[in-house]
Amino acid sequence: MSVTVDFGSNRASEVEIAEHLSLCDADFVPPLNGRVEIGDYAKKIASNATRFEAWSGNKLVGLVAAYCNDNEKRIAFITSVSVLKEWMGKGFAASLMKQCIEYAKASRMRQITLEVASDNAPAIKLYEMNGFVAGNTNGAFVSMDLYLKSGEEHE
C-alpha cells in the first residue's frame, strides 16, 4: 500500500501549523518549545511566512517556512524546516527546500539564510546538499547561507 503525499504552499492554517510544530517539537535541536511559544510562532509563520508544505490526506507532514519579504536587501530567511518523525528519510525536506529555493529565486532574492544548531548534523547535511555554506557561529547555532545566481555581483 502506498501513501500519496501532496505538495503545496500556504494551505496550512495557524492551528495546523501549531499542531505540526508541536508534533515535531522533540525532533528540533534543541527542542522548539524551549526557544519559542509554539502557538505564537505558528501565528507569525501563518501571517508572515511563505510556506512549502507536504500533506498526507488532511495531515501536514512536512513544512518549510521562509520570510521572502525583504525587498531592499533581497535576503530570504528560512525560519523552520520540519518533517514528522514517521515521514523522515523519504526526501520530503529536500523537496520542500528545493521549492523554497526556486520561490526565492523567482522572487528575486539574492540570498537565503538560516540558523541551525551546530550539533544538528542531519540538518546541516540537508542544507549543504542544497548548496548552503556555513557562516558565523553564534553560541550553539551556526548561520548558513545560499547565494542565488543572478546577473548582479554579490556583496
N, C-alpha and C. Protein backbone atom coordinates (compact mmCIF):
# COMPACT_ATOMS: atom_id res chain seq x y z
N MET A 1 0.84 -1.18 0.00
CA MET A 1 0.00 0.00 0.00
C MET A 1 0.89 1.25 0.00
N SER A 2 0.67 2.14 -0.93
CA SER A 2 1.45 3.37 -0.96
C SER A 2 0.59 4.53 -0.48
N VAL A 3 1.24 5.47 0.12
CA VAL A 3 0.56 6.64 0.65
C VAL A 3 0.86 7.81 -0.27
N THR A 4 -0.15 8.54 -0.64
CA THR A 4 0.02 9.70 -1.51
C THR A 4 0.36 10.92 -0.67
N VAL A 5 1.36 11.65 -1.13
CA VAL A 5 1.73 12.91 -0.49
C VAL A 5 1.55 14.01 -1.52
N ASP A 6 0.86 15.05 -1.11
CA ASP A 6 0.63 16.20 -1.98
C ASP A 6 1.50 17.36 -1.49
N PHE A 7 2.10 18.05 -2.44
CA PHE A 7 2.89 19.22 -2.12
C PHE A 7 2.10 20.46 -2.49
N GLY A 8 2.22 21.49 -1.68
CA GLY A 8 1.53 22.74 -1.95
C GLY A 8 2.18 23.86 -1.17
N SER A 9 1.53 24.99 -1.19
CA SER A 9 2.06 26.12 -0.43
C SER A 9 0.92 26.92 0.18
N ASN A 10 1.23 27.45 1.35
CA ASN A 10 0.34 28.38 2.07
C ASN A 10 -1.08 27.87 2.28
N ARG A 11 -1.21 26.56 2.44
CA ARG A 11 -2.53 25.97 2.68
C ARG A 11 -2.82 25.82 4.18
N ALA A 12 -1.78 25.53 4.96
CA ALA A 12 -1.97 25.24 6.39
C ALA A 12 -2.47 26.45 7.16
N SER A 13 -3.40 26.20 8.06
CA SER A 13 -3.89 27.24 8.96
C SER A 13 -2.92 27.39 10.13
N GLU A 14 -3.11 28.44 10.88
CA GLU A 14 -2.31 28.66 12.09
C GLU A 14 -2.41 27.46 13.03
N VAL A 15 -3.61 26.91 13.20
CA VAL A 15 -3.83 25.76 14.08
C VAL A 15 -3.09 24.53 13.55
N GLU A 16 -3.16 24.29 12.24
CA GLU A 16 -2.47 23.14 11.66
C GLU A 16 -0.95 23.28 11.77
N ILE A 17 -0.44 24.49 11.60
CA ILE A 17 0.99 24.73 11.76
C ILE A 17 1.40 24.47 13.20
N ALA A 18 0.63 24.97 14.16
CA ALA A 18 0.94 24.76 15.58
C ALA A 18 0.92 23.28 15.93
N GLU A 19 -0.07 22.56 15.42
CA GLU A 19 -0.16 21.12 15.68
C GLU A 19 1.07 20.40 15.10
N HIS A 20 1.43 20.73 13.87
CA HIS A 20 2.59 20.11 13.23
C HIS A 20 3.87 20.40 14.02
N LEU A 21 4.08 21.67 14.38
CA LEU A 21 5.29 22.03 15.12
C LEU A 21 5.33 21.35 16.48
N SER A 22 4.18 21.21 17.13
CA SER A 22 4.13 20.51 18.43
C SER A 22 4.51 19.05 18.27
N LEU A 23 4.03 18.42 17.19
CA LEU A 23 4.37 17.01 16.95
C LEU A 23 5.85 16.83 16.62
N CYS A 24 6.46 17.85 16.02
CA CYS A 24 7.88 17.79 15.65
C CYS A 24 8.80 18.32 16.75
N ASP A 25 8.22 18.90 17.79
CA ASP A 25 8.98 19.63 18.81
C ASP A 25 10.22 18.90 19.31
N ALA A 26 10.08 17.64 19.69
CA ALA A 26 11.19 16.89 20.27
C ALA A 26 12.30 16.62 19.25
N ASP A 27 11.99 16.72 17.96
CA ASP A 27 12.99 16.45 16.92
C ASP A 27 13.79 17.69 16.54
N PHE A 28 13.37 18.87 17.02
CA PHE A 28 14.17 20.07 16.82
C PHE A 28 15.36 20.01 17.76
N VAL A 29 16.50 20.54 17.31
CA VAL A 29 17.71 20.58 18.14
C VAL A 29 18.08 22.04 18.36
N PRO A 30 17.97 22.55 19.59
CA PRO A 30 17.27 22.00 20.75
C PRO A 30 15.75 22.06 20.52
N PRO A 31 14.97 21.39 21.38
CA PRO A 31 13.52 21.39 21.20
C PRO A 31 12.97 22.81 21.03
N LEU A 32 12.00 22.92 20.15
CA LEU A 32 11.44 24.21 19.78
C LEU A 32 10.78 24.92 20.95
N ASN A 33 10.07 24.16 21.80
CA ASN A 33 9.32 24.81 22.88
C ASN A 33 10.22 25.46 23.93
N GLY A 34 11.51 25.17 23.90
CA GLY A 34 12.45 25.83 24.79
C GLY A 34 12.92 27.17 24.24
N ARG A 35 12.60 27.45 22.98
CA ARG A 35 13.05 28.69 22.33
C ARG A 35 11.91 29.63 22.00
N VAL A 36 10.72 29.09 21.73
CA VAL A 36 9.59 29.92 21.35
C VAL A 36 8.31 29.36 21.98
N GLU A 37 7.28 30.18 22.03
CA GLU A 37 5.96 29.69 22.39
C GLU A 37 5.34 29.25 21.07
N ILE A 38 5.07 27.95 20.93
CA ILE A 38 4.70 27.37 19.64
C ILE A 38 3.47 28.02 19.03
N GLY A 39 2.45 28.32 19.82
CA GLY A 39 1.25 28.97 19.28
C GLY A 39 1.55 30.33 18.67
N ASP A 40 2.35 31.13 19.38
CA ASP A 40 2.73 32.46 18.87
C ASP A 40 3.57 32.33 17.60
N TYR A 41 4.50 31.36 17.60
CA TYR A 41 5.37 31.13 16.46
C TYR A 41 4.55 30.69 15.24
N ALA A 42 3.58 29.80 15.46
CA ALA A 42 2.71 29.35 14.37
C ALA A 42 1.91 30.53 13.80
N LYS A 43 1.46 31.42 14.66
CA LYS A 43 0.72 32.60 14.21
C LYS A 43 1.61 33.48 13.34
N LYS A 44 2.85 33.69 13.76
CA LYS A 44 3.79 34.50 12.99
C LYS A 44 4.07 33.86 11.63
N ILE A 45 4.28 32.55 11.62
CA ILE A 45 4.53 31.84 10.36
C ILE A 45 3.31 31.95 9.45
N ALA A 46 2.12 31.71 9.99
CA ALA A 46 0.90 31.77 9.18
C ALA A 46 0.68 33.16 8.60
N SER A 47 1.03 34.18 9.35
CA SER A 47 0.79 35.56 8.93
C SER A 47 1.85 36.12 7.99
N ASN A 48 3.11 35.72 8.18
CA ASN A 48 4.21 36.41 7.50
C ASN A 48 5.09 35.55 6.60
N ALA A 49 5.06 34.24 6.76
CA ALA A 49 5.99 33.40 6.01
C ALA A 49 5.32 32.80 4.77
N THR A 50 6.14 32.51 3.78
CA THR A 50 5.71 31.69 2.66
C THR A 50 6.00 30.26 3.09
N ARG A 51 4.99 29.40 2.94
CA ARG A 51 5.10 28.04 3.46
C ARG A 51 5.06 27.02 2.33
N PHE A 52 5.98 26.10 2.40
CA PHE A 52 6.06 24.99 1.44
C PHE A 52 5.71 23.75 2.24
N GLU A 53 4.67 23.03 1.79
CA GLU A 53 4.04 22.03 2.64
C GLU A 53 3.93 20.68 1.94
N ALA A 54 4.05 19.62 2.73
CA ALA A 54 3.77 18.25 2.28
C ALA A 54 2.60 17.75 3.11
N TRP A 55 1.59 17.22 2.43
CA TRP A 55 0.36 16.77 3.07
C TRP A 55 0.11 15.30 2.76
N SER A 56 -0.33 14.57 3.75
CA SER A 56 -0.85 13.22 3.55
C SER A 56 -2.29 13.28 4.02
N GLY A 57 -3.22 13.28 3.07
CA GLY A 57 -4.62 13.49 3.42
C GLY A 57 -4.76 14.87 4.02
N ASN A 58 -5.33 14.94 5.22
CA ASN A 58 -5.51 16.23 5.89
C ASN A 58 -4.44 16.50 6.94
N LYS A 59 -3.32 15.74 6.88
CA LYS A 59 -2.26 15.90 7.88
C LYS A 59 -1.04 16.56 7.25
N LEU A 60 -0.59 17.64 7.87
CA LEU A 60 0.61 18.33 7.46
C LEU A 60 1.81 17.51 7.94
N VAL A 61 2.56 16.92 7.00
CA VAL A 61 3.66 16.03 7.39
C VAL A 61 5.03 16.68 7.21
N GLY A 62 5.10 17.74 6.42
CA GLY A 62 6.37 18.44 6.22
C GLY A 62 6.12 19.92 5.97
N LEU A 63 7.06 20.76 6.45
CA LEU A 63 6.88 22.20 6.36
C LEU A 63 8.25 22.88 6.26
N VAL A 64 8.39 23.77 5.29
CA VAL A 64 9.50 24.72 5.24
C VAL A 64 8.84 26.09 5.21
N ALA A 65 9.20 26.94 6.17
CA ALA A 65 8.64 28.28 6.25
C ALA A 65 9.77 29.29 6.08
N ALA A 66 9.54 30.25 5.17
CA ALA A 66 10.57 31.24 4.88
C ALA A 66 9.96 32.63 4.76
N TYR A 67 10.73 33.61 5.18
CA TYR A 67 10.35 35.01 5.00
C TYR A 67 11.09 35.50 3.75
N CYS A 68 10.33 35.77 2.72
CA CYS A 68 10.89 36.24 1.44
C CYS A 68 10.38 37.65 1.15
N ASN A 69 10.38 38.49 2.19
CA ASN A 69 9.75 39.80 2.06
C ASN A 69 10.71 40.97 2.24
N ASP A 70 12.02 40.71 2.26
CA ASP A 70 13.00 41.79 2.37
C ASP A 70 13.39 42.23 0.96
N ASN A 71 12.57 43.11 0.40
CA ASN A 71 12.79 43.53 -0.98
C ASN A 71 13.91 44.54 -1.13
N GLU A 72 14.40 45.08 -0.01
CA GLU A 72 15.52 46.02 -0.07
C GLU A 72 16.85 45.26 -0.13
N LYS A 73 17.11 44.43 0.87
CA LYS A 73 18.36 43.66 0.89
C LYS A 73 18.26 42.41 0.02
N ARG A 74 17.02 41.97 -0.25
CA ARG A 74 16.74 40.77 -1.04
C ARG A 74 17.39 39.52 -0.43
N ILE A 75 17.23 39.41 0.89
CA ILE A 75 17.70 38.24 1.62
C ILE A 75 16.48 37.55 2.23
N ALA A 76 16.28 36.28 1.85
CA ALA A 76 15.21 35.47 2.42
C ALA A 76 15.75 34.78 3.67
N PHE A 77 14.87 34.47 4.61
CA PHE A 77 15.27 33.78 5.84
C PHE A 77 14.37 32.57 6.06
N ILE A 78 14.97 31.40 6.10
CA ILE A 78 14.21 30.19 6.42
C ILE A 78 14.12 30.10 7.93
N THR A 79 12.90 30.13 8.44
CA THR A 79 12.69 30.13 9.88
C THR A 79 12.43 28.75 10.44
N SER A 80 11.95 27.82 9.59
CA SER A 80 11.60 26.50 10.11
C SER A 80 11.63 25.45 9.00
N VAL A 81 12.22 24.31 9.32
CA VAL A 81 12.20 23.12 8.46
C VAL A 81 11.82 21.96 9.37
N SER A 82 10.72 21.28 9.04
CA SER A 82 10.27 20.19 9.91
C SER A 82 9.52 19.13 9.12
N VAL A 83 9.74 17.89 9.53
CA VAL A 83 9.03 16.73 8.96
C VAL A 83 8.67 15.83 10.13
N LEU A 84 7.44 15.33 10.15
CA LEU A 84 7.04 14.41 11.21
C LEU A 84 7.98 13.21 11.23
N LYS A 85 8.31 12.74 12.42
CA LYS A 85 9.30 11.68 12.60
C LYS A 85 9.04 10.46 11.70
N GLU A 86 7.78 10.03 11.63
CA GLU A 86 7.48 8.82 10.84
C GLU A 86 7.60 9.06 9.33
N TRP A 87 7.78 10.30 8.91
CA TRP A 87 7.92 10.65 7.49
C TRP A 87 9.35 11.03 7.13
N MET A 88 10.24 11.04 8.11
CA MET A 88 11.64 11.41 7.85
C MET A 88 12.32 10.35 6.98
N GLY A 89 13.33 10.79 6.26
CA GLY A 89 14.13 9.88 5.44
C GLY A 89 13.51 9.54 4.10
N LYS A 90 12.45 10.22 3.73
CA LYS A 90 11.76 9.95 2.47
C LYS A 90 11.98 11.06 1.44
N GLY A 91 12.83 12.03 1.76
CA GLY A 91 13.15 13.10 0.81
C GLY A 91 12.21 14.29 0.84
N PHE A 92 11.28 14.34 1.79
CA PHE A 92 10.33 15.44 1.82
C PHE A 92 11.00 16.77 2.16
N ALA A 93 11.89 16.78 3.13
CA ALA A 93 12.57 18.03 3.49
C ALA A 93 13.36 18.55 2.30
N ALA A 94 14.05 17.67 1.58
CA ALA A 94 14.83 18.09 0.41
C ALA A 94 13.92 18.67 -0.67
N SER A 95 12.78 18.03 -0.92
CA SER A 95 11.84 18.53 -1.93
C SER A 95 11.29 19.90 -1.54
N LEU A 96 10.93 20.05 -0.27
CA LEU A 96 10.40 21.33 0.20
C LEU A 96 11.46 22.42 0.15
N MET A 97 12.71 22.07 0.47
CA MET A 97 13.81 23.05 0.38
C MET A 97 13.99 23.51 -1.06
N LYS A 98 13.94 22.58 -2.00
CA LYS A 98 14.10 22.94 -3.41
C LYS A 98 12.98 23.88 -3.86
N GLN A 99 11.76 23.62 -3.41
CA GLN A 99 10.63 24.51 -3.74
C GLN A 99 10.88 25.90 -3.17
N CYS A 100 11.37 25.96 -1.96
CA CYS A 100 11.65 27.23 -1.30
C CYS A 100 12.74 28.00 -2.07
N ILE A 101 13.78 27.31 -2.47
CA ILE A 101 14.88 27.95 -3.21
C ILE A 101 14.38 28.49 -4.54
N GLU A 102 13.58 27.71 -5.24
CA GLU A 102 13.03 28.17 -6.53
C GLU A 102 12.13 29.39 -6.34
N TYR A 103 11.35 29.37 -5.27
CA TYR A 103 10.48 30.52 -4.98
C TYR A 103 11.33 31.77 -4.70
N ALA A 104 12.38 31.61 -3.90
CA ALA A 104 13.24 32.75 -3.58
C ALA A 104 13.90 33.31 -4.84
N LYS A 105 14.33 32.43 -5.73
CA LYS A 105 14.91 32.90 -7.00
C LYS A 105 13.86 33.68 -7.80
N ALA A 106 12.66 33.12 -7.92
CA ALA A 106 11.59 33.77 -8.68
C ALA A 106 11.19 35.11 -8.04
N SER A 107 11.40 35.23 -6.73
CA SER A 107 11.08 36.47 -6.01
C SER A 107 12.24 37.46 -6.03
N ARG A 108 13.27 37.14 -6.81
CA ARG A 108 14.45 37.98 -6.99
C ARG A 108 15.25 38.18 -5.71
N MET A 109 15.20 37.20 -4.80
CA MET A 109 16.07 37.24 -3.64
C MET A 109 17.49 36.92 -4.12
N ARG A 110 18.49 37.50 -3.48
CA ARG A 110 19.86 37.22 -3.88
C ARG A 110 20.55 36.24 -2.93
N GLN A 111 19.88 35.99 -1.80
CA GLN A 111 20.49 35.13 -0.79
C GLN A 111 19.39 34.54 0.08
N ILE A 112 19.64 33.33 0.57
CA ILE A 112 18.78 32.72 1.59
C ILE A 112 19.68 32.41 2.77
N THR A 113 19.22 32.74 3.95
CA THR A 113 19.99 32.47 5.16
C THR A 113 19.13 31.70 6.15
N LEU A 114 19.77 30.99 7.05
CA LEU A 114 19.07 30.27 8.11
C LEU A 114 20.04 30.06 9.25
N GLU A 115 19.51 29.67 10.39
CA GLU A 115 20.34 29.31 11.55
C GLU A 115 19.99 27.89 11.94
N VAL A 116 21.03 27.13 12.31
CA VAL A 116 20.85 25.74 12.69
C VAL A 116 21.77 25.44 13.88
N ALA A 117 21.33 24.56 14.75
CA ALA A 117 22.18 24.15 15.87
C ALA A 117 23.44 23.51 15.30
N SER A 118 24.59 23.92 15.81
CA SER A 118 25.86 23.44 15.27
C SER A 118 26.05 21.94 15.47
N ASP A 119 25.28 21.33 16.38
CA ASP A 119 25.38 19.88 16.58
C ASP A 119 24.25 19.10 15.90
N ASN A 120 23.51 19.75 15.01
CA ASN A 120 22.42 19.09 14.29
C ASN A 120 22.95 18.62 12.92
N ALA A 121 23.73 17.56 12.95
CA ALA A 121 24.40 17.06 11.73
C ALA A 121 23.44 16.73 10.59
N PRO A 122 22.29 16.06 10.84
CA PRO A 122 21.39 15.76 9.71
C PRO A 122 20.87 17.02 9.01
N ALA A 123 20.53 18.04 9.78
CA ALA A 123 20.03 19.28 9.17
C ALA A 123 21.14 19.98 8.39
N ILE A 124 22.33 20.04 8.97
CA ILE A 124 23.45 20.68 8.29
C ILE A 124 23.73 19.96 6.97
N LYS A 125 23.68 18.63 6.98
CA LYS A 125 23.90 17.86 5.75
C LYS A 125 22.84 18.20 4.70
N LEU A 126 21.58 18.29 5.11
CA LEU A 126 20.49 18.66 4.20
C LEU A 126 20.77 20.02 3.57
N TYR A 127 21.15 20.99 4.38
CA TYR A 127 21.40 22.33 3.87
C TYR A 127 22.62 22.36 2.95
N GLU A 128 23.68 21.66 3.32
CA GLU A 128 24.86 21.60 2.46
C GLU A 128 24.54 20.95 1.12
N MET A 129 23.71 19.91 1.13
CA MET A 129 23.32 19.25 -0.12
C MET A 129 22.53 20.20 -1.02
N ASN A 130 21.93 21.23 -0.45
CA ASN A 130 21.19 22.22 -1.22
C ASN A 130 22.02 23.46 -1.52
N GLY A 131 23.32 23.41 -1.23
CA GLY A 131 24.23 24.49 -1.60
C GLY A 131 24.51 25.53 -0.54
N PHE A 132 23.98 25.35 0.66
CA PHE A 132 24.24 26.30 1.74
C PHE A 132 25.65 26.10 2.27
N VAL A 133 26.28 27.20 2.68
CA VAL A 133 27.61 27.14 3.29
C VAL A 133 27.55 27.77 4.68
N ALA A 134 28.33 27.19 5.59
CA ALA A 134 28.35 27.67 6.96
C ALA A 134 28.99 29.05 7.03
N GLY A 135 28.45 29.87 7.90
CA GLY A 135 28.98 31.22 8.11
C GLY A 135 29.37 31.39 9.56
N ASN A 136 28.87 32.44 10.18
CA ASN A 136 29.20 32.76 11.56
C ASN A 136 28.56 31.79 12.54
N THR A 137 29.28 31.53 13.63
CA THR A 137 28.74 30.74 14.72
C THR A 137 28.36 31.70 15.84
N ASN A 138 27.14 31.53 16.36
CA ASN A 138 26.65 32.37 17.44
C ASN A 138 26.20 31.45 18.56
N GLY A 139 27.09 31.20 19.51
CA GLY A 139 26.76 30.27 20.59
C GLY A 139 26.63 28.87 20.04
N ALA A 140 25.48 28.25 20.28
CA ALA A 140 25.25 26.87 19.84
C ALA A 140 24.71 26.79 18.41
N PHE A 141 24.58 27.94 17.74
CA PHE A 141 24.00 27.98 16.40
C PHE A 141 25.01 28.47 15.38
N VAL A 142 24.84 27.99 14.17
CA VAL A 142 25.66 28.45 13.04
C VAL A 142 24.72 28.99 11.97
N SER A 143 25.10 30.09 11.36
CA SER A 143 24.30 30.61 10.25
C SER A 143 24.80 29.94 8.98
N MET A 144 23.88 29.68 8.08
CA MET A 144 24.22 29.10 6.79
C MET A 144 23.57 29.94 5.71
N ASP A 145 24.28 30.10 4.60
CA ASP A 145 23.80 30.97 3.53
C ASP A 145 23.87 30.26 2.19
N LEU A 146 22.91 30.59 1.36
CA LEU A 146 22.90 30.16 -0.03
C LEU A 146 22.84 31.42 -0.88
N TYR A 147 23.86 31.61 -1.72
CA TYR A 147 23.88 32.77 -2.60
C TYR A 147 23.27 32.35 -3.93
N LEU A 148 22.24 33.06 -4.31
CA LEU A 148 21.49 32.71 -5.51
C LEU A 148 22.13 33.39 -6.72
N LYS A 149 22.14 32.69 -7.82
CA LYS A 149 22.74 33.23 -9.04
C LYS A 149 21.84 34.31 -9.63
N SER A 150 22.48 35.40 -9.99
CA SER A 150 21.77 36.47 -10.69
C SER A 150 22.78 37.22 -11.53
N GLY A 151 22.34 38.18 -12.26
CA GLY A 151 23.24 38.97 -13.09
C GLY A 151 24.00 40.00 -12.30
N GLU A 152 23.73 40.11 -11.00
CA GLU A 152 24.38 41.13 -10.19
C GLU A 152 25.53 40.52 -9.39
N GLU A 153 26.47 41.36 -9.04
CA GLU A 153 27.59 40.93 -8.20
C GLU A 153 27.10 40.74 -6.77
N HIS A 154 27.66 39.75 -6.09
CA HIS A 154 27.34 39.56 -4.67
C HIS A 154 28.16 40.54 -3.85
N GLU A 155 27.56 41.00 -2.77
CA GLU A 155 28.27 41.92 -1.89
C GLU A 155 29.26 41.18 -1.04
